[in-house]
Amino acid sequence: MEFIQAFILGIVQGITEFLPISSTAHLLIVTKVFGWKELGSKDFVDAIQFGSVIAIVGYFWSLIYSIVKGGIEALKDKDWQREEWKILVGIVVGTMPALIFGYLLKDVLPESALIIAVMSIIMALLLAFAERIGTRKRDFNSLQIRDGILVGLGQTLALIPGVSRSGSTLTTALFLGLERDTAAKFSFLLGFPTLTIATLYKSLKIFKLFEAQQLPDNIVGLLIVGIISTFIFSYLSIAFLIKYLATKNTLVFVWYRLAFGSAILAAIAAGWKG
């Protein structure tokens, strides 16, 4: 039964990590609804995010390679106007706020169904506003260092449960006038270092708990199942969103987030403890 739970949690993580609807929110709600306390721990669900990290590398490998290679060549040639250099520096600098605030606030921010519901609705409205006023005239080659800084600051909002890392970065990128698919690509690339570091941190923590015999003996197998499931559905989710946003707007996610948040509020009003 635990292996089935791990596989299902991987599906939820993989699908919701890259769609702008909050993986943390959906994982928390799913584990609360089904009462999966052990595998529903934040350490486990954060650790299986490694599958999402692998999916980003796999899907964007050629783009990541060209950015890093171009950035290194720009550093050697001191060509600070090179596109790859600007994107690379923007990603590095934009990663810092989320890492700093994430470390400082890791034990402070509460995870509750009420907060998730409220933030889901607020972010839905912000995404709708960004969709309405964003010019969507800038492509990937127009990215600047300041874009990385501003989108990185937007990413810090994802520390609040229910906000969504991809949702906050995608919304910020749309406000900055990026095309929808460009905004999604940059959102994924900028979130990659943060996701990787956070996943490694949680993985080390969970193995320390295992060594201290505070976790079940089959935790390694459960992690493998969860990571594989997460990778498969993360890759599919990335491919879907990039293709979808190339021709369509983000309003379907706006309506979904409004419905998701409203449903949780209704359940709380009906007596659900969350």
C-alpha atoms as a PDB file:
ATOM      1  CA  MET A   1       0.000   0.000   0.000  1.00  0.00           C
ATOM      2  CA  GLU A   2       2.859   2.401   0.808  1.00  0.00           C
ATOM      3  CA  PHE A   3       4.377   1.889  -2.641  1.00  0.00           C
ATOM      4  CA  ILE A   4       1.030   2.772  -4.236  1.00  0.00           C
ATOM      5  CA  GLN A   5       0.918   5.899  -2.075  1.00  0.00           C
ATOM      6  CA  ALA A   6       4.460   6.836  -3.147  1.00  0.00           C
ATOM      7  CA  PHE A   7       3.533   6.383  -6.809  1.00  0.00           C
ATOM      8  CA  ILE A   8       0.375   8.500  -6.443  1.00  0.00           C
ATOM      9  CA  LEU A   9       2.270  11.244  -4.608  1.00  0.00           C
ATOM     10  CA  GLY A  10       4.768  11.206  -7.487  1.00  0.00           C
ATOM     11  CA  ILE A  11       1.917  11.721  -9.958  1.00  0.00           C
ATOM     12  CA  VAL A  12       0.574  14.657  -7.960  1.00  0.00           C
ATOM     13  CA  GLN A  13       4.038  16.180  -7.539  1.00  0.00           C
ATOM     14  CA  GLY A  14       4.960  15.701 -11.184  1.00  0.00           C
ATOM     15  CA  ILE A  15       1.783  17.208 -12.617  1.00  0.00           C
ATOM     16  CA  THR A  16       1.448  20.130 -10.217  1.00  0.00           C
ATOM     17  CA  GLU A  17       5.107  21.187  -9.865  1.00  0.00           C
ATOM     18  CA  PHE A  18       5.190  22.877 -13.258  1.00  0.00           C
ATOM     19  CA  LEU A  19       1.588  23.823 -13.802  1.00  0.00           C
ATOM     20  CA  PRO A  20       0.873  27.147 -12.036  1.00  0.00           C
ATOM     21  CA  ILE A  21      -1.404  25.553  -9.425  1.00  0.00           C
ATOM     22  CA  SER A  22       0.968  24.734  -6.493  1.00  0.00           C
ATOM     23  CA  SER A  23       2.389  21.270  -5.893  1.00  0.00           C
ATOM     24  CA  THR A  24       2.692  21.920  -2.145  1.00  0.00           C
ATOM     25  CA  ALA A  25      -1.018  22.719  -1.922  1.00  0.00           C
ATOM     26  CA  HIS A  26      -2.128  19.610  -3.801  1.00  0.00           C
ATOM     27  CA  LEU A  27       0.240  17.279  -1.961  1.00  0.00           C
ATOM     28  CA  LEU A  28      -0.891  18.652   1.393  1.00  0.00           C
ATOM     29  CA  ILE A  29      -4.577  18.348   0.534  1.00  0.00           C
ATOM     30  CA  VAL A  30      -4.205  14.834  -0.940  1.00  0.00           C
ATOM     31  CA  THR A  31      -2.285  13.524   2.088  1.00  0.00           C
ATOM     32  CA  LYS A  32      -4.753  15.126   4.517  1.00  0.00           C
ATOM     33  CA  VAL A  33      -7.821  13.828   2.691  1.00  0.00           C
ATOM     34  CA  PHE A  34      -6.484  10.245   2.554  1.00  0.00           C
ATOM     35  CA  GLY A  35      -4.741  10.401   5.932  1.00  0.00           C
ATOM     36  CA  TRP A  36      -1.289   9.494   4.591  1.00  0.00           C
ATOM     37  CA  LYS A  37       0.654  10.817   7.568  1.00  0.00           C
ATOM     38  CA  GLU A  38       3.950   8.970   7.132  1.00  0.00           C
ATOM     39  CA  LEU A  39       4.528   9.506   3.400  1.00  0.00           C
ATOM     40  CA  GLY A  40       2.712  12.821   3.634  1.00  0.00           C
ATOM     41  CA  SER A  41       5.574  14.275   5.671  1.00  0.00           C
ATOM     42  CA  LYS A  42       7.172  17.318   4.092  1.00  0.00           C
ATOM     43  CA  ASP A  43      10.581  15.642   4.067  1.00  0.00           C
ATOM     44  CA  PHE A  44       9.354  12.763   1.869  1.00  0.00           C
ATOM     45  CA  VAL A  45       7.340  14.833  -0.613  1.00  0.00           C
ATOM     46  CA  ASP A  46      10.203  17.326  -0.906  1.00  0.00           C
ATOM     47  CA  ALA A  47      12.704  14.516  -1.497  1.00  0.00           C
ATOM     48  CA  ILE A  48      10.764  13.009  -4.414  1.00  0.00           C
ATOM     49  CA  GLN A  49      11.015  16.401  -6.126  1.00  0.00           C
ATOM     50  CA  PHE A  50      14.320  15.044  -7.416  1.00  0.00           C
ATOM     51  CA  GLY A  51      12.253  13.505 -10.187  1.00  0.00           C
ATOM     52  CA  SER A  52      11.173  17.014 -11.210  1.00  0.00           C
ATOM     53  CA  VAL A  53      14.824  18.131 -11.223  1.00  0.00           C
ATOM     54  CA  ILE A  54      15.757  15.277 -13.569  1.00  0.00           C
ATOM     55  CA  ALA A  55      12.790  16.142 -15.804  1.00  0.00           C
ATOM     56  CA  ILE A  56      13.962  19.760 -16.184  1.00  0.00           C
ATOM     57  CA  VAL A  57      17.477  18.621 -17.108  1.00  0.00           C
ATOM     58  CA  GLY A  58      16.135  16.063 -19.555  1.00  0.00           C
ATOM     59  CA  TYR A  59      13.667  18.355 -21.281  1.00  0.00           C
ATOM     60  CA  PHE A  60      15.852  21.481 -21.404  1.00  0.00           C
ATOM     61  CA  TRP A  61      19.257  19.807 -21.711  1.00  0.00           C
ATOM     62  CA  SER A  62      20.266  21.473 -24.998  1.00  0.00           C
ATOM     63  CA  LEU A  63      19.075  24.889 -23.779  1.00  0.00           C
ATOM     64  CA  ILE A  64      20.818  24.527 -20.403  1.00  0.00           C
ATOM     65  CA  TYR A  65      24.010  23.393 -22.143  1.00  0.00           C
ATOM     66  CA  SER A  66      23.999  26.331 -24.566  1.00  0.00           C
ATOM     67  CA  ILE A  67      23.358  28.851 -21.766  1.00  0.00           C
ATOM     68  CA  VAL A  68      26.153  27.499 -19.557  1.00  0.00           C
ATOM     69  CA  LYS A  69      28.578  27.139 -22.474  1.00  0.00           C
ATOM     70  CA  GLY A  70      27.785  30.624 -23.774  1.00  0.00           C
ATOM     71  CA  GLY A  71      28.071  32.068 -20.272  1.00  0.00           C
ATOM     72  CA  ILE A  72      31.529  30.543 -19.769  1.00  0.00           C
ATOM     73  CA  GLU A  73      32.692  31.800 -23.171  1.00  0.00           C
ATOM     74  CA  ALA A  74      31.334  35.276 -22.368  1.00  0.00           C
ATOM     75  CA  LEU A  75      33.261  35.226 -19.080  1.00  0.00           C
ATOM     76  CA  LYS A  76      36.471  34.293 -20.869  1.00  0.00           C
ATOM     77  CA  ASP A  77      35.951  36.969 -23.541  1.00  0.00           C
ATOM     78  CA  LYS A  78      34.552  39.504 -21.030  1.00  0.00           C
ATOM     79  CA  ASP A  79      31.571  39.900 -23.339  1.00  0.00           C
ATOM     80  CA  TRP A  80      29.014  41.114 -20.796  1.00  0.00           C
ATOM     81  CA  GLN A  81      26.409  41.830 -23.485  1.00  0.00           C
ATOM     82  CA  ARG A  82      26.185  38.245 -24.675  1.00  0.00           C
ATOM     83  CA  GLU A  83      22.652  36.841 -24.339  1.00  0.00           C
ATOM     84  CA  GLU A  84      23.712  33.640 -22.583  1.00  0.00           C
ATOM     85  CA  TRP A  85      25.680  35.640 -20.003  1.00  0.00           C
ATOM     86  CA  LYS A  86      22.703  37.822 -19.165  1.00  0.00           C
ATOM     87  CA  ILE A  87      20.407  34.814 -18.816  1.00  0.00           C
ATOM     88  CA  LEU A  88      22.926  32.867 -16.709  1.00  0.00           C
ATOM     89  CA  VAL A  89      23.609  35.772 -14.359  1.00  0.00           C
ATOM     90  CA  GLY A  90      19.894  36.502 -14.165  1.00  0.00           C
ATOM     91  CA  ILE A  91      19.196  32.905 -13.119  1.00  0.00           C
ATOM     92  CA  VAL A  92      22.014  32.875 -10.536  1.00  0.00           C
ATOM     93  CA  VAL A  93      21.080  36.237  -9.012  1.00  0.00           C
ATOM     94  CA  GLY A  94      17.367  35.467  -9.205  1.00  0.00           C
ATOM     95  CA  THR A  95      17.899  32.243  -7.270  1.00  0.00           C
ATOM     96  CA  MET A  96      19.420  33.960  -4.231  1.00  0.00           C
ATOM     97  CA  PRO A  97      16.275  35.568  -2.719  1.00  0.00           C
ATOM     98  CA  ALA A  98      14.364  32.267  -2.598  1.00  0.00           C
ATOM     99  CA  LEU A  99      17.337  30.422  -1.079  1.00  0.00           C
ATOM    100  CA  ILE A 100      17.985  33.089   1.547  1.00  0.00           C
ATOM    101  CA  PHE A 101      14.377  33.598   2.603  1.00  0.00           C
ATOM    102  CA  GLY A 102      13.676  29.876   2.270  1.00  0.00           C
ATOM    103  CA  TYR A 103      16.449  29.105   4.764  1.00  0.00           C
ATOM    104  CA  LEU A 104      15.433  31.857   7.174  1.00  0.00           C
ATOM    105  CA  LEU A 105      11.728  31.008   7.077  1.00  0.00           C
ATOM    106  CA  LYS A 106      11.886  27.202   6.700  1.00  0.00           C
ATOM    107  CA  ASP A 107      10.471  26.618  10.192  1.00  0.00           C
ATOM    108  CA  VAL A 108       8.247  29.694  10.376  1.00  0.00           C
ATOM    109  CA  LEU A 109       5.690  29.546   7.583  1.00  0.00           C
ATOM    110  CA  PRO A 110       2.667  27.421   8.568  1.00  0.00           C
ATOM    111  CA  GLU A 111       1.030  24.932   6.219  1.00  0.00           C
ATOM    112  CA  SER A 112      -2.741  24.977   6.576  1.00  0.00           C
ATOM    113  CA  ALA A 113      -5.687  24.351   4.296  1.00  0.00           C
ATOM    114  CA  LEU A 114      -7.014  27.860   4.984  1.00  0.00           C
ATOM    115  CA  ILE A 115      -3.771  29.544   3.902  1.00  0.00           C
ATOM    116  CA  ILE A 116      -3.643  27.344   0.797  1.00  0.00           C
ATOM    117  CA  ALA A 117      -7.216  28.264  -0.145  1.00  0.00           C
ATOM    118  CA  VAL A 118      -6.702  31.998   0.336  1.00  0.00           C
ATOM    119  CA  MET A 119      -3.373  32.103  -1.513  1.00  0.00           C
ATOM    120  CA  SER A 120      -4.746  29.979  -4.356  1.00  0.00           C
ATOM    121  CA  ILE A 121      -7.477  32.562  -4.932  1.00  0.00           C
ATOM    122  CA  ILE A 122      -5.127  35.544  -4.569  1.00  0.00           C
ATOM    123  CA  MET A 123      -2.617  34.079  -7.047  1.00  0.00           C
ATOM    124  CA  ALA A 124      -5.446  33.272  -9.467  1.00  0.00           C
ATOM    125  CA  LEU A 125      -6.419  36.944  -9.482  1.00  0.00           C
ATOM    126  CA  LEU A 126      -2.803  38.074  -9.930  1.00  0.00           C
ATOM    127  CA  LEU A 127      -2.311  35.649 -12.833  1.00  0.00           C
ATOM    128  CA  ALA A 128      -5.505  36.930 -14.455  1.00  0.00           C
ATOM    129  CA  PHE A 129      -4.272  40.516 -14.047  1.00  0.00           C
ATOM    130  CA  ALA A 130      -0.862  39.629 -15.529  1.00  0.00           C
ATOM    131  CA  GLU A 131      -2.611  37.919 -18.430  1.00  0.00           C
ATOM    132  CA  ARG A 132      -4.659  41.049 -19.051  1.00  0.00           C
ATOM    133  CA  ILE A 133      -1.960  43.741 -18.884  1.00  0.00           C
ATOM    134  CA  GLY A 134       1.107  41.789 -20.056  1.00  0.00           C
ATOM    135  CA  THR A 135       2.293  42.857 -23.505  1.00  0.00           C
ATOM    136  CA  ARG A 136       3.707  39.396 -24.404  1.00  0.00           C
ATOM    137  CA  LYS A 137       6.088  40.956 -26.935  1.00  0.00           C
ATOM    138  CA  ARG A 138       9.432  39.773 -25.545  1.00  0.00           C
ATOM    139  CA  ASP A 139      10.965  36.452 -26.583  1.00  0.00           C
ATOM    140  CA  PHE A 140      13.728  34.395 -24.968  1.00  0.00           C
ATOM    141  CA  ASN A 141      16.498  36.368 -26.657  1.00  0.00           C
ATOM    142  CA  SER A 142      15.326  39.595 -25.015  1.00  0.00           C
ATOM    143  CA  LEU A 143      15.903  38.388 -21.454  1.00  0.00           C
ATOM    144  CA  GLN A 144      17.980  40.660 -19.237  1.00  0.00           C
ATOM    145  CA  ILE A 145      19.633  40.287 -15.831  1.00  0.00           C
ATOM    146  CA  ARG A 146      16.903  42.420 -14.260  1.00  0.00           C
ATOM    147  CA  ASP A 147      14.328  39.869 -15.443  1.00  0.00           C
ATOM    148  CA  GLY A 148      16.115  37.229 -13.400  1.00  0.00           C
ATOM    149  CA  ILE A 149      16.174  39.475 -10.340  1.00  0.00           C
ATOM    150  CA  LEU A 150      12.496  40.394 -10.565  1.00  0.00           C
ATOM    151  CA  VAL A 151      11.267  36.885 -11.377  1.00  0.00           C
ATOM    152  CA  GLY A 152      13.524  35.610  -8.579  1.00  0.00           C
ATOM    153  CA  LEU A 153      11.852  37.988  -6.146  1.00  0.00           C
ATOM    154  CA  GLY A 154       8.505  36.726  -7.385  1.00  0.00           C
ATOM    155  CA  GLN A 155       9.684  33.191  -6.687  1.00  0.00           C
ATOM    156  CA  THR A 156      10.082  34.001  -2.978  1.00  0.00           C
ATOM    157  CA  LEU A 157       6.278  34.224  -2.732  1.00  0.00           C
ATOM    158  CA  ALA A 158       6.205  30.475  -3.362  1.00  0.00           C
ATOM    159  CA  LEU A 159       7.497  29.980   0.181  1.00  0.00           C
ATOM    160  CA  ILE A 160       3.881  30.581   1.215  1.00  0.00           C
ATOM    161  CA  PRO A 161       1.846  27.362   0.814  1.00  0.00           C
ATOM    162  CA  GLY A 162      -0.633  27.595  -2.028  1.00  0.00           C
ATOM    163  CA  VAL A 163       1.273  30.200  -4.058  1.00  0.00           C
ATOM    164  CA  SER A 164       3.147  27.862  -6.461  1.00  0.00           C
ATOM    165  CA  ARG A 165       6.741  28.311  -7.587  1.00  0.00           C
ATOM    166  CA  SER A 166       5.827  28.059 -11.258  1.00  0.00           C
ATOM    167  CA  GLY A 167       2.732  30.194 -10.689  1.00  0.00           C
ATOM    168  CA  SER A 168       4.591  33.064  -9.013  1.00  0.00           C
ATOM    169  CA  THR A 169       7.450  33.076 -11.534  1.00  0.00           C
ATOM    170  CA  LEU A 170       5.132  32.719 -14.542  1.00  0.00           C
ATOM    171  CA  THR A 171       2.931  35.545 -13.270  1.00  0.00           C
ATOM    172  CA  THR A 172       5.932  37.826 -12.696  1.00  0.00           C
ATOM    173  CA  ALA A 173       7.339  37.013 -16.133  1.00  0.00           C
ATOM    174  CA  LEU A 174       4.015  37.871 -17.774  1.00  0.00           C
ATOM    175  CA  PHE A 175       3.948  41.187 -15.917  1.00  0.00           C
ATOM    176  CA  LEU A 176       7.401  41.867 -17.437  1.00  0.00           C
ATOM    177  CA  GLY A 177       5.986  41.476 -20.945  1.00  0.00           C
ATOM    178  CA  LEU A 178       7.373  38.052 -21.855  1.00  0.00           C
ATOM    179  CA  GLU A 179       5.598  35.769 -24.305  1.00  0.00           C
ATOM    180  CA  ARG A 180       3.688  33.013 -22.527  1.00  0.00           C
ATOM    181  CA  ASP A 181       5.903  30.111 -23.620  1.00  0.00           C
ATOM    182  CA  THR A 182       9.050  32.188 -22.979  1.00  0.00           C
ATOM    183  CA  ALA A 183       7.718  33.048 -19.529  1.00  0.00           C
ATOM    184  CA  ALA A 184       7.166  29.337 -18.835  1.00  0.00           C
ATOM    185  CA  LYS A 185      10.652  28.335 -20.034  1.00  0.00           C
ATOM    186  CA  PHE A 186      12.341  31.062 -17.988  1.00  0.00           C
ATOM    187  CA  SER A 187      10.170  30.140 -15.011  1.00  0.00           C
ATOM    188  CA  PHE A 188      11.370  26.527 -15.163  1.00  0.00           C
ATOM    189  CA  LEU A 189      15.034  27.451 -15.682  1.00  0.00           C
ATOM    190  CA  LEU A 190      15.068  30.000 -12.869  1.00  0.00           C
ATOM    191  CA  GLY A 191      13.324  27.605 -10.503  1.00  0.00           C
ATOM    192  CA  PHE A 192      15.746  24.782 -11.352  1.00  0.00           C
ATOM    193  CA  PRO A 193      18.619  25.753  -8.970  1.00  0.00           C
ATOM    194  CA  THR A 194      16.235  26.434  -6.075  1.00  0.00           C
ATOM    195  CA  LEU A 195      14.390  23.165  -6.625  1.00  0.00           C
ATOM    196  CA  THR A 196      17.668  21.232  -6.887  1.00  0.00           C
ATOM    197  CA  ILE A 197      19.202  22.677  -3.721  1.00  0.00           C
ATOM    198  CA  ALA A 198      15.983  22.286  -1.719  1.00  0.00           C
ATOM    199  CA  THR A 199      15.636  18.671  -2.891  1.00  0.00           C
ATOM    200  CA  LEU A 200      19.227  17.782  -1.992  1.00  0.00           C
ATOM    201  CA  TYR A 201      18.788  19.362   1.435  1.00  0.00           C
ATOM    202  CA  LYS A 202      15.626  17.369   2.130  1.00  0.00           C
ATOM    203  CA  SER A 203      17.172  14.158   0.755  1.00  0.00           C
ATOM    204  CA  LEU A 204      20.137  14.452   3.123  1.00  0.00           C
ATOM    205  CA  LYS A 205      17.759  15.120   5.984  1.00  0.00           C
ATOM    206  CA  ILE A 206      15.595  12.100   5.227  1.00  0.00           C
ATOM    207  CA  PHE A 207      18.611   9.767   5.011  1.00  0.00           C
ATOM    208  CA  LYS A 208      19.873  11.060   8.366  1.00  0.00           C
ATOM    209  CA  LEU A 209      16.484  10.159   9.825  1.00  0.00           C
ATOM    210  CA  PHE A 210      16.813   6.730   8.198  1.00  0.00           C
ATOM    211  CA  GLU A 211      20.251   6.198   9.741  1.00  0.00           C
ATOM    212  CA  ALA A 212      18.782   7.151  13.102  1.00  0.00           C
ATOM    213  CA  GLN A 213      16.138   4.432  12.516  1.00  0.00           C
ATOM    214  CA  GLN A 214      13.319   6.975  12.610  1.00  0.00           C
ATOM    215  CA  LEU A 215      11.985   5.904   9.212  1.00  0.00           C
ATOM    216  CA  PRO A 216      10.731   2.550   7.851  1.00  0.00           C
ATOM    217  CA  ASP A 217      13.274   0.114   6.379  1.00  0.00           C
ATOM    218  CA  ASN A 218      11.681   0.348   2.928  1.00  0.00           C
ATOM    219  CA  ILE A 219      12.086   4.145   2.690  1.00  0.00           C
ATOM    220  CA  VAL A 220      14.745   3.848  -0.060  1.00  0.00           C
ATOM    221  CA  GLY A 221      12.398   1.812  -2.226  1.00  0.00           C
ATOM    222  CA  LEU A 222       9.559   4.235  -1.551  1.00  0.00           C
ATOM    223  CA  LEU A 223      11.766   7.161  -2.557  1.00  0.00           C
ATOM    224  CA  ILE A 224      12.780   5.411  -5.784  1.00  0.00           C
ATOM    225  CA  VAL A 225       9.148   4.744  -6.698  1.00  0.00           C
ATOM    226  CA  GLY A 226       8.159   8.317  -5.848  1.00  0.00           C
ATOM    227  CA  ILE A 227      11.067   9.822  -7.793  1.00  0.00           C
ATOM    228  CA  ILE A 228      10.426   7.706 -10.907  1.00  0.00           C
ATOM    229  CA  SER A 229       6.736   8.561 -10.852  1.00  0.00           C
ATOM    230  CA  THR A 230       7.559  12.235 -10.309  1.00  0.00           C
ATOM    231  CA  PHE A 231      10.030  12.250 -13.208  1.00  0.00           C
ATOM    232  CA  ILE A 232       7.576  10.711 -15.680  1.00  0.00           C
ATOM    233  CA  PHE A 233       4.719  13.062 -14.883  1.00  0.00           C
ATOM    234  CA  SER A 234       6.983  16.106 -14.490  1.00  0.00           C
ATOM    235  CA  TYR A 235       8.348  15.585 -17.997  1.00  0.00           C
ATOM    236  CA  LEU A 236       4.850  15.209 -19.411  1.00  0.00           C
ATOM    237  CA  SER A 237       3.705  18.291 -17.499  1.00  0.00           C
ATOM    238  CA  ILE A 238       6.569  20.434 -18.832  1.00  0.00           C
ATOM    239  CA  ALA A 239       5.978  19.294 -22.412  1.00  0.00           C
ATOM    240  CA  PHE A 240       2.261  19.960 -22.099  1.00  0.00           C
ATOM    241  CA  LEU A 241       2.593  23.455 -20.625  1.00  0.00           C
ATOM    242  CA  ILE A 242       5.197  24.669 -23.132  1.00  0.00           C
ATOM    243  CA  LYS A 243       3.079  23.454 -26.051  1.00  0.00           C
ATOM    244  CA  TYR A 244      -0.152  24.739 -24.494  1.00  0.00           C
ATOM    245  CA  LEU A 245       1.131  28.258 -23.805  1.00  0.00           C
ATOM    246  CA  ALA A 246       2.524  28.571 -27.323  1.00  0.00           C
ATOM    247  CA  THR A 247      -1.038  29.024 -28.590  1.00  0.00           C
ATOM    248  CA  LYS A 248      -3.322  29.535 -25.563  1.00  0.00           C
ATOM    249  CA  ASN A 249      -3.633  31.805 -22.530  1.00  0.00           C
ATOM    250  CA  THR A 250      -3.393  30.951 -18.822  1.00  0.00           C
ATOM    251  CA  LEU A 251      -7.043  31.542 -17.907  1.00  0.00           C
ATOM    252  CA  VAL A 252      -7.787  27.823 -17.522  1.00  0.00           C
ATOM    253  CA  PHE A 253      -5.361  27.823 -14.587  1.00  0.00           C
ATOM    254  CA  VAL A 254      -6.953  30.978 -13.197  1.00  0.00           C
ATOM    255  CA  TRP A 255     -10.376  29.313 -13.137  1.00  0.00           C
ATOM    256  CA  TYR A 256      -8.923  26.097 -11.723  1.00  0.00           C
ATOM    257  CA  ARG A 257      -7.206  27.944  -8.877  1.00  0.00           C
ATOM    258  CA  LEU A 258     -10.379  29.864  -8.074  1.00  0.00           C
ATOM    259  CA  ALA A 259     -12.366  26.614  -7.983  1.00  0.00           C
ATOM    260  CA  PHE A 260      -9.666  24.813  -5.964  1.00  0.00           C
ATOM    261  CA  GLY A 261      -9.444  27.553  -3.348  1.00  0.00           C
ATOM    262  CA  SER A 262     -13.222  27.961  -3.158  1.00  0.00           C
ATOM    263  CA  ALA A 263     -13.725  24.203  -2.707  1.00  0.00           C
ATOM    264  CA  ILE A 264     -11.294  24.152   0.222  1.00  0.00           C
ATOM    265  CA  LEU A 265     -13.009  27.147   1.835  1.00  0.00           C
ATOM    266  CA  ALA A 266     -16.374  25.431   1.401  1.00  0.00           C
ATOM    267  CA  ALA A 267     -15.021  22.244   3.000  1.00  0.00           C
ATOM    268  CA  ILE A 268     -13.635  24.222   5.944  1.00  0.00           C
ATOM    269  CA  ALA A 269     -16.962  26.038   6.354  1.00  0.00           C
ATOM    270  CA  ALA A 270     -18.706  22.645   6.362  1.00  0.00           C
ATOM    271  CA  GLY A 271     -16.561  21.484   9.264  1.00  0.00           C
ATOM    272  CA  TRP A 272     -13.453  19.954   7.649  1.00  0.00           C
ATOM    273  CA  LYS A 273     -10.481  20.556   9.948  1.00  0.00           C
ATOM    274  CA  GLY A 274      -7.960  20.687   7.150  1.00  0.00           C
END
